[in-house]
């Protein structure tokens, strides 16, 4: 009887936790399972998107504040 093997694929994205590049592995047998080889964090693609959205919101606030500041002379 054949045994199931773990199939993985490396993704070219940043880890949403440590921001290391190209260190994410996605388990193709369980597409909800990602692991960062840099920080060992385990997360789902949905978790990664939520974390990325948090960063976008925070940086958007910084950009809005900077753009509203008076220009110095």
PDB file of N, CA and C in Angstrom:
ATOM      1  N   UNK A   1       0.839  -1.173   0.000  1.00  0.00           N
ATOM      2  CA  UNK A   1       0.000   0.000   0.000  1.00  0.00           C
ATOM      3  C   UNK A   1       0.889   1.243   0.000  1.00  0.00           C
ATOM      4  N   UNK A   2       0.561   2.201  -0.816  1.00  0.00           N
ATOM      5  CA  UNK A   2       1.353   3.430  -0.929  1.00  0.00           C
ATOM      6  C   UNK A   2       1.093   4.325   0.277  1.00  0.00           C
ATOM      7  N   UNK A   3       2.127   4.993   0.711  1.00  0.00           N
ATOM      8  CA  UNK A   3       1.976   5.935   1.819  1.00  0.00           C
ATOM      9  C   UNK A   3       1.962   7.353   1.275  1.00  0.00           C
ATOM     10  N   UNK A   4       1.240   8.209   1.950  1.00  0.00           N
ATOM     11  CA  UNK A   4       1.175   9.613   1.538  1.00  0.00           C
ATOM     12  C   UNK A   4       2.467  10.305   1.929  1.00  0.00           C
ATOM     13  N   UNK A   5       2.976  11.108   1.041  1.00  0.00           N
ATOM     14  CA  UNK A   5       4.171  11.890   1.343  1.00  0.00           C
ATOM     15  C   UNK A   5       3.771  13.347   1.487  1.00  0.00           C
ATOM     16  N   UNK A   6       4.498  14.043   2.285  1.00  0.00           N
ATOM     17  CA  UNK A   6       4.227  15.459   2.497  1.00  0.00           C
ATOM     18  C   UNK A   6       4.765  16.243   1.306  1.00  0.00           C
ATOM     19  N   UNK A   7       3.884  16.975   0.652  1.00  0.00           N
ATOM     20  CA  UNK A   7       4.259  17.770  -0.509  1.00  0.00           C
ATOM     21  C   UNK A   7       4.279  19.234  -0.098  1.00  0.00           C
ATOM     22  N   UNK A   8       5.379  19.908  -0.349  1.00  0.00           N
ATOM     23  CA  UNK A   8       5.487  21.321   0.003  1.00  0.00           C
ATOM     24  C   UNK A   8       5.977  22.117  -1.190  1.00  0.00           C
ATOM     25  N   UNK A   9       5.740  23.417  -1.117  1.00  0.00           N
ATOM     26  CA  UNK A   9       6.218  24.323  -2.148  1.00  0.00           C
ATOM     27  C   UNK A   9       6.663  25.600  -1.455  1.00  0.00           C
ATOM     28  N   UNK A  10       7.812  26.105  -1.830  1.00  0.00           N
ATOM     29  CA  UNK A  10       8.329  27.339  -1.268  1.00  0.00           C
ATOM     30  C   UNK A  10       7.674  28.522  -1.973  1.00  0.00           C
ATOM     31  N   UNK A  11       7.270  29.491  -1.190  1.00  0.00           N
ATOM     32  CA  UNK A  11       6.603  30.676  -1.738  1.00  0.00           C
ATOM     33  C   UNK A  11       7.524  31.886  -1.657  1.00  0.00           C
ATOM     34  N   UNK A  12       7.422  32.766  -2.622  1.00  0.00           N
ATOM     35  CA  UNK A  12       8.266  33.962  -2.645  1.00  0.00           C
ATOM     36  C   UNK A  12       7.492  35.142  -2.052  1.00  0.00           C
ATOM     37  N   UNK A  13       7.233  35.032  -0.766  1.00  0.00           N
ATOM     38  CA  UNK A  13       6.537  36.083  -0.021  1.00  0.00           C
ATOM     39  C   UNK A  13       7.258  36.308   1.306  1.00  0.00           C
ATOM     40  N   UNK A  14       6.974  37.431   1.940  1.00  0.00           N
ATOM     41  CA  UNK A  14       7.549  37.727   3.248  1.00  0.00           C
ATOM     42  C   UNK A  14       6.734  37.054   4.345  1.00  0.00           C
ATOM     43  N   UNK A  15       7.401  36.615   5.371  1.00  0.00           N
ATOM     44  CA  UNK A  15       6.708  36.108   6.546  1.00  0.00           C
ATOM     45  C   UNK A  15       6.000  37.290   7.202  1.00  0.00           C
ATOM     46  N   UNK A  16       4.714  37.174   7.531  1.00  0.00           N
ATOM     47  CA  UNK A  16       4.009  38.289   8.145  1.00  0.00           C
ATOM     48  C   UNK A  16       4.432  38.551   9.588  1.00  0.00           C
ATOM     49  N   UNK A  17       5.230  37.675  10.155  1.00  0.00           N
ATOM     50  CA  UNK A  17       5.655  37.825  11.541  1.00  0.00           C
ATOM     51  C   UNK A  17       7.086  38.337  11.669  1.00  0.00           C
ATOM     52  N   UNK A  18       8.038  37.732  10.939  1.00  0.00           N
ATOM     53  CA  UNK A  18       9.432  38.173  11.050  1.00  0.00           C
ATOM     54  C   UNK A  18       9.887  38.959   9.818  1.00  0.00           C
ATOM     55  N   UNK A  19       9.075  38.997   8.783  1.00  0.00           N
ATOM     56  CA  UNK A  19       9.322  39.713   7.528  1.00  0.00           C
ATOM     57  C   UNK A  19      10.520  39.193   6.748  1.00  0.00           C
ATOM     58  N   UNK A  20      10.919  37.948   7.038  1.00  0.00           N
ATOM     59  CA  UNK A  20      11.978  37.325   6.253  1.00  0.00           C
ATOM     60  C   UNK A  20      11.414  36.959   4.881  1.00  0.00           C
ATOM     61  N   UNK A  21      12.207  37.135   3.862  1.00  0.00           N
ATOM     62  CA  UNK A  21      11.760  36.861   2.508  1.00  0.00           C
ATOM     63  C   UNK A  21      12.043  35.444   2.058  1.00  0.00           C
ATOM     64  N   UNK A  22      11.154  34.918   1.241  1.00  0.00           N
ATOM     65  CA  UNK A  22      11.316  33.613   0.595  1.00  0.00           C
ATOM     66  C   UNK A  22      11.629  32.494   1.582  1.00  0.00           C
ATOM     67  N   UNK A  23      10.979  32.514   2.733  1.00  0.00           N
ATOM     68  CA  UNK A  23      11.226  31.484   3.732  1.00  0.00           C
ATOM     69  C   UNK A  23       9.952  30.739   4.114  1.00  0.00           C
ATOM     70  N   UNK A  24       8.871  30.935   3.356  1.00  0.00           N
ATOM     71  CA  UNK A  24       7.581  30.337   3.679  1.00  0.00           C
ATOM     72  C   UNK A  24       7.393  29.039   2.908  1.00  0.00           C
ATOM     73  N   UNK A  25       6.973  28.014   3.612  1.00  0.00           N
ATOM     74  CA  UNK A  25       6.642  26.739   2.994  1.00  0.00           C
ATOM     75  C   UNK A  25       5.152  26.496   3.166  1.00  0.00           C
ATOM     76  N   UNK A  26       4.485  26.115   2.087  1.00  0.00           N
ATOM     77  CA  UNK A  26       3.059  25.807   2.089  1.00  0.00           C
ATOM     78  C   UNK A  26       2.893  24.309   1.894  1.00  0.00           C
ATOM     79  N   UNK A  27       2.169  23.676   2.798  1.00  0.00           N
ATOM     80  CA  UNK A  27       1.898  22.246   2.694  1.00  0.00           C
ATOM     81  C   UNK A  27       0.787  22.058   1.662  1.00  0.00           C
ATOM     82  N   UNK A  28       1.098  21.460   0.529  1.00  0.00           N
ATOM     83  CA  UNK A  28       0.121  21.286  -0.542  1.00  0.00           C
ATOM     84  C   UNK A  28      -0.931  20.237  -0.210  1.00  0.00           C
ATOM     85  N   UNK A  29      -0.709  19.456   0.840  1.00  0.00           N
ATOM     86  CA  UNK A  29      -1.732  18.518   1.306  1.00  0.00           C
ATOM     87  C   UNK A  29      -2.710  19.199   2.257  1.00  0.00           C
ATOM     88  N   UNK A  30      -2.319  20.299   2.839  1.00  0.00           N
ATOM     89  CA  UNK A  30      -3.167  21.083   3.741  1.00  0.00           C
ATOM     90  C   UNK A  30      -2.882  22.547   3.442  1.00  0.00           C
ATOM     91  N   UNK A  31      -3.636  23.128   2.530  1.00  0.00           N
ATOM     92  CA  UNK A  31      -3.350  24.485   2.057  1.00  0.00           C
ATOM     93  C   UNK A  31      -3.559  25.559   3.122  1.00  0.00           C
ATOM     94  N   UNK A  32      -3.966  25.158   4.310  1.00  0.00           N
ATOM     95  CA  UNK A  32      -4.112  26.109   5.405  1.00  0.00           C
ATOM     96  C   UNK A  32      -2.889  26.119   6.302  1.00  0.00           C
ATOM     97  N   UNK A  33      -1.856  25.379   5.923  1.00  0.00           N
ATOM     98  CA  UNK A  33      -0.678  25.231   6.779  1.00  0.00           C
ATOM     99  C   UNK A  33       0.556  25.835   6.130  1.00  0.00           C
ATOM    100  N   UNK A  34       1.002  26.959   6.663  1.00  0.00           N
ATOM    101  CA  UNK A  34       2.235  27.618   6.228  1.00  0.00           C
ATOM    102  C   UNK A  34       3.200  27.631   7.401  1.00  0.00           C
ATOM    103  N   UNK A  35       4.482  27.540   7.087  1.00  0.00           N
ATOM    104  CA  UNK A  35       5.525  27.592   8.116  1.00  0.00           C
ATOM    105  C   UNK A  35       6.650  28.471   7.593  1.00  0.00           C
ATOM    106  N   UNK A  36       7.158  29.342   8.454  1.00  0.00           N
ATOM    107  CA  UNK A  36       8.315  30.168   8.116  1.00  0.00           C
ATOM    108  C   UNK A  36       9.572  29.444   8.589  1.00  0.00           C
ATOM    109  N   UNK A  37      10.498  29.206   7.670  1.00  0.00           N
ATOM    110  CA  UNK A  37      11.730  28.511   8.047  1.00  0.00           C
ATOM    111  C   UNK A  37      12.667  29.417   8.830  1.00  0.00           C
ATOM    112  N   UNK A  38      12.423  30.722   8.813  1.00  0.00           N
ATOM    113  CA  UNK A  38      13.273  31.653   9.545  1.00  0.00           C
ATOM    114  C   UNK A  38      12.883  31.731  11.026  1.00  0.00           C
ATOM    115  N   UNK A  39      11.578  31.944  11.306  1.00  0.00           N
ATOM    116  CA  UNK A  39      11.147  32.124  12.695  1.00  0.00           C
ATOM    117  C   UNK A  39      10.324  30.956  13.232  1.00  0.00           C
ATOM    118  N   UNK A  40      10.052  29.958  12.378  1.00  0.00           N
ATOM    119  CA  UNK A  40       9.292  28.750  12.740  1.00  0.00           C
ATOM    120  C   UNK A  40       7.826  29.014  13.059  1.00  0.00           C
ATOM    121  N   UNK A  41       7.328  30.203  12.742  1.00  0.00           N
ATOM    122  CA  UNK A  41       5.918  30.526  12.975  1.00  0.00           C
ATOM    123  C   UNK A  41       5.061  29.692  12.025  1.00  0.00           C
ATOM    124  N   UNK A  42       3.964  29.130  12.550  1.00  0.00           N
ATOM    125  CA  UNK A  42       2.996  28.394  11.743  1.00  0.00           C
ATOM    126  C   UNK A  42       1.738  29.231  11.635  1.00  0.00           C
ATOM    127  N   UNK A  43       1.198  29.369  10.428  1.00  0.00           N
ATOM    128  CA  UNK A  43       0.026  30.211  10.217  1.00  0.00           C
ATOM    129  C   UNK A  43      -0.675  29.807   8.936  1.00  0.00           C
ATOM    130  N   UNK A  44      -1.898  30.294   8.775  1.00  0.00           N
ATOM    131  CA  UNK A  44      -2.652  30.037   7.551  1.00  0.00           C
ATOM    132  C   UNK A  44      -2.469  31.227   6.607  1.00  0.00           C
ATOM    133  N   UNK A  45      -2.742  31.032   5.329  1.00  0.00           N
ATOM    134  CA  UNK A  45      -2.694  32.176   4.409  1.00  0.00           C
ATOM    135  C   UNK A  45      -3.644  33.297   4.855  1.00  0.00           C
ATOM    136  N   UNK A  46      -4.780  32.929   5.435  1.00  0.00           N
ATOM    137  CA  UNK A  46      -5.721  33.936   5.931  1.00  0.00           C
ATOM    138  C   UNK A  46      -5.124  34.727   7.096  1.00  0.00           C
ATOM    139  N   UNK A  47      -4.395  34.040   7.986  1.00  0.00           N
ATOM    140  CA  UNK A  47      -3.703  34.723   9.087  1.00  0.00           C
ATOM    141  C   UNK A  47      -2.665  35.703   8.536  1.00  0.00           C
ATOM    142  N   UNK A  48      -1.936  35.276   7.517  1.00  0.00           N
ATOM    143  CA  UNK A  48      -0.910  36.122   6.903  1.00  0.00           C
ATOM    144  C   UNK A  48      -1.549  37.366   6.295  1.00  0.00           C
ATOM    145  N   UNK A  49      -2.670  37.191   5.617  1.00  0.00           N
ATOM    146  CA  UNK A  49      -3.358  38.331   5.009  1.00  0.00           C
ATOM    147  C   UNK A  49      -3.863  39.295   6.073  1.00  0.00           C
ATOM    148  N   UNK A  50      -4.412  38.777   7.158  1.00  0.00           N
ATOM    149  CA  UNK A  50      -4.885  39.634   8.248  1.00  0.00           C
ATOM    150  C   UNK A  50      -3.733  40.437   8.842  1.00  0.00           C
ATOM    151  N   UNK A  51      -2.590  39.781   9.048  1.00  0.00           N
ATOM    152  CA  UNK A  51      -1.410  40.464   9.598  1.00  0.00           C
ATOM    153  C   UNK A  51      -0.907  41.535   8.623  1.00  0.00           C
ATOM    154  N   UNK A  52      -0.894  41.217   7.336  1.00  0.00           N
ATOM    155  CA  UNK A  52      -0.468  42.184   6.322  1.00  0.00           C
ATOM    156  C   UNK A  52      -1.424  43.379   6.288  1.00  0.00           C
ATOM    157  N   UNK A  53      -2.709  43.116   6.415  1.00  0.00           N
ATOM    158  CA  UNK A  53      -3.687  44.208   6.441  1.00  0.00           C
ATOM    159  C   UNK A  53      -3.490  45.114   7.651  1.00  0.00           C
ATOM    160  N   UNK A  54      -3.120  44.536   8.802  1.00  0.00           N
ATOM    161  CA  UNK A  54      -2.814  45.345   9.989  1.00  0.00           C
ATOM    162  C   UNK A  54      -1.658  46.299   9.694  1.00  0.00           C
ATOM    163  N   UNK A  55      -0.614  45.791   9.025  1.00  0.00           N
ATOM    164  CA  UNK A  55       0.527  46.637   8.680  1.00  0.00           C
ATOM    165  C   UNK A  55       0.121  47.747   7.711  1.00  0.00           C
ATOM    166  N   UNK A  56      -0.727  47.413   6.743  1.00  0.00           N
ATOM    167  CA  UNK A  56      -1.193  48.422   5.780  1.00  0.00           C
ATOM    168  C   UNK A  56      -1.953  49.523   6.497  1.00  0.00           C
ATOM    169  N   UNK A  57      -2.830  49.162   7.416  1.00  0.00           N
ATOM    170  CA  UNK A  57      -3.604  50.162   8.152  1.00  0.00           C
ATOM    171  C   UNK A  57      -2.671  51.070   8.948  1.00  0.00           C
ATOM    172  N   UNK A  58      -1.717  50.475   9.655  1.00  0.00           N
ATOM    173  CA  UNK A  58      -0.802  51.276  10.478  1.00  0.00           C
ATOM    174  C   UNK A  58       0.054  52.210   9.609  1.00  0.00           C
ATOM    175  N   UNK A  59       0.608  51.683   8.505  1.00  0.00           N
ATOM    176  CA  UNK A  59       1.440  52.522   7.633  1.00  0.00           C
ATOM    177  C   UNK A  59       0.599  53.564   6.902  1.00  0.00           C
ATOM    178  N   UNK A  60      -0.634  53.244   6.587  1.00  0.00           N
ATOM    179  CA  UNK A  60      -1.521  54.233   5.944  1.00  0.00           C
ATOM    180  C   UNK A  60      -1.751  55.412   6.871  1.00  0.00           C
ATOM    181  N   UNK A  61      -1.882  55.153   8.146  1.00  0.00           N
ATOM    182  CA  UNK A  61      -2.065  56.230   9.125  1.00  0.00           C
ATOM    183  C   UNK A  61      -0.822  57.116   9.192  1.00  0.00           C
ATOM    184  N   UNK A  62       0.347  56.507   9.137  1.00  0.00           N
ATOM    185  CA  UNK A  62       1.595  57.279   9.152  1.00  0.00           C
ATOM    186  C   UNK A  62       1.688  58.153   7.904  1.00  0.00           C
ATOM    187  N   UNK A  63       1.403  57.577   6.744  1.00  0.00           N
ATOM    188  CA  UNK A  63       1.468  58.332   5.488  1.00  0.00           C
ATOM    189  C   UNK A  63       0.459  59.474   5.497  1.00  0.00           C
ATOM    190  N   UNK A  64      -0.756  59.219   5.967  1.00  0.00           N
ATOM    191  CA  UNK A  64      -1.773  60.272   6.048  1.00  0.00           C
ATOM    192  C   UNK A  64      -1.305  61.397   6.952  1.00  0.00           C
ATOM    193  N   UNK A  65      -0.704  61.043   8.087  1.00  0.00           N
ATOM    194  CA  UNK A  65      -0.229  62.060   9.012  1.00  0.00           C
ATOM    195  C   UNK A  65       0.894  62.884   8.376  1.00  0.00           C
ATOM    196  N   UNK A  66       1.825  62.208   7.718  1.00  0.00           N
ATOM    197  CA  UNK A  66       2.937  62.917   7.063  1.00  0.00           C
ATOM    198  C   UNK A  66       2.435  63.841   5.981  1.00  0.00           C
ATOM    199  N   UNK A  67       1.512  63.357   5.173  1.00  0.00           N
ATOM    200  CA  UNK A  67       0.990  64.170   4.064  1.00  0.00           C
ATOM    201  C   UNK A  67       0.179  65.367   4.550  1.00  0.00           C
ATOM    202  N   UNK A  68      -0.363  65.298   5.762  1.00  0.00           N
ATOM    203  CA  UNK A  68      -1.147  66.410   6.286  1.00  0.00           C
ATOM    204  C   UNK A  68      -0.284  67.423   7.037  1.00  0.00           C
ATOM    205  N   UNK A  69       0.968  67.077   7.291  1.00  0.00           N
ATOM    206  CA  UNK A  69       1.858  67.978   8.031  1.00  0.00           C
ATOM    207  C   UNK A  69       2.225  69.176   7.147  1.00  0.00           C
ATOM    208  N   UNK A  70       2.337  70.341   7.778  1.00  0.00           N
ATOM    209  CA  UNK A  70       2.745  71.523   7.004  1.00  0.00           C
ATOM    210  C   UNK A  70       4.173  71.360   6.477  1.00  0.00           C
ATOM    211  N   UNK A  71       4.399  71.854   5.295  1.00  0.00           N
ATOM    212  CA  UNK A  71       5.721  71.768   4.685  1.00  0.00           C
ATOM    213  C   UNK A  71       6.621  72.807   5.349  1.00  0.00           C
ATOM    214  N   UNK A  72       7.808  72.374   5.779  1.00  0.00           N
ATOM    215  CA  UNK A  72       8.751  73.293   6.435  1.00  0.00           C
ATOM    216  C   UNK A  72       9.394  74.230   5.427  1.00  0.00           C
ATOM    217  N   UNK A  73       9.891  75.377   5.905  1.00  0.00           N
ATOM    218  CA  UNK A  73      10.534  76.324   4.997  1.00  0.00           C
ATOM    219  C   UNK A  73      12.020  76.206   5.016  1.00  0.00           C
TER     220      UNK A  73
END
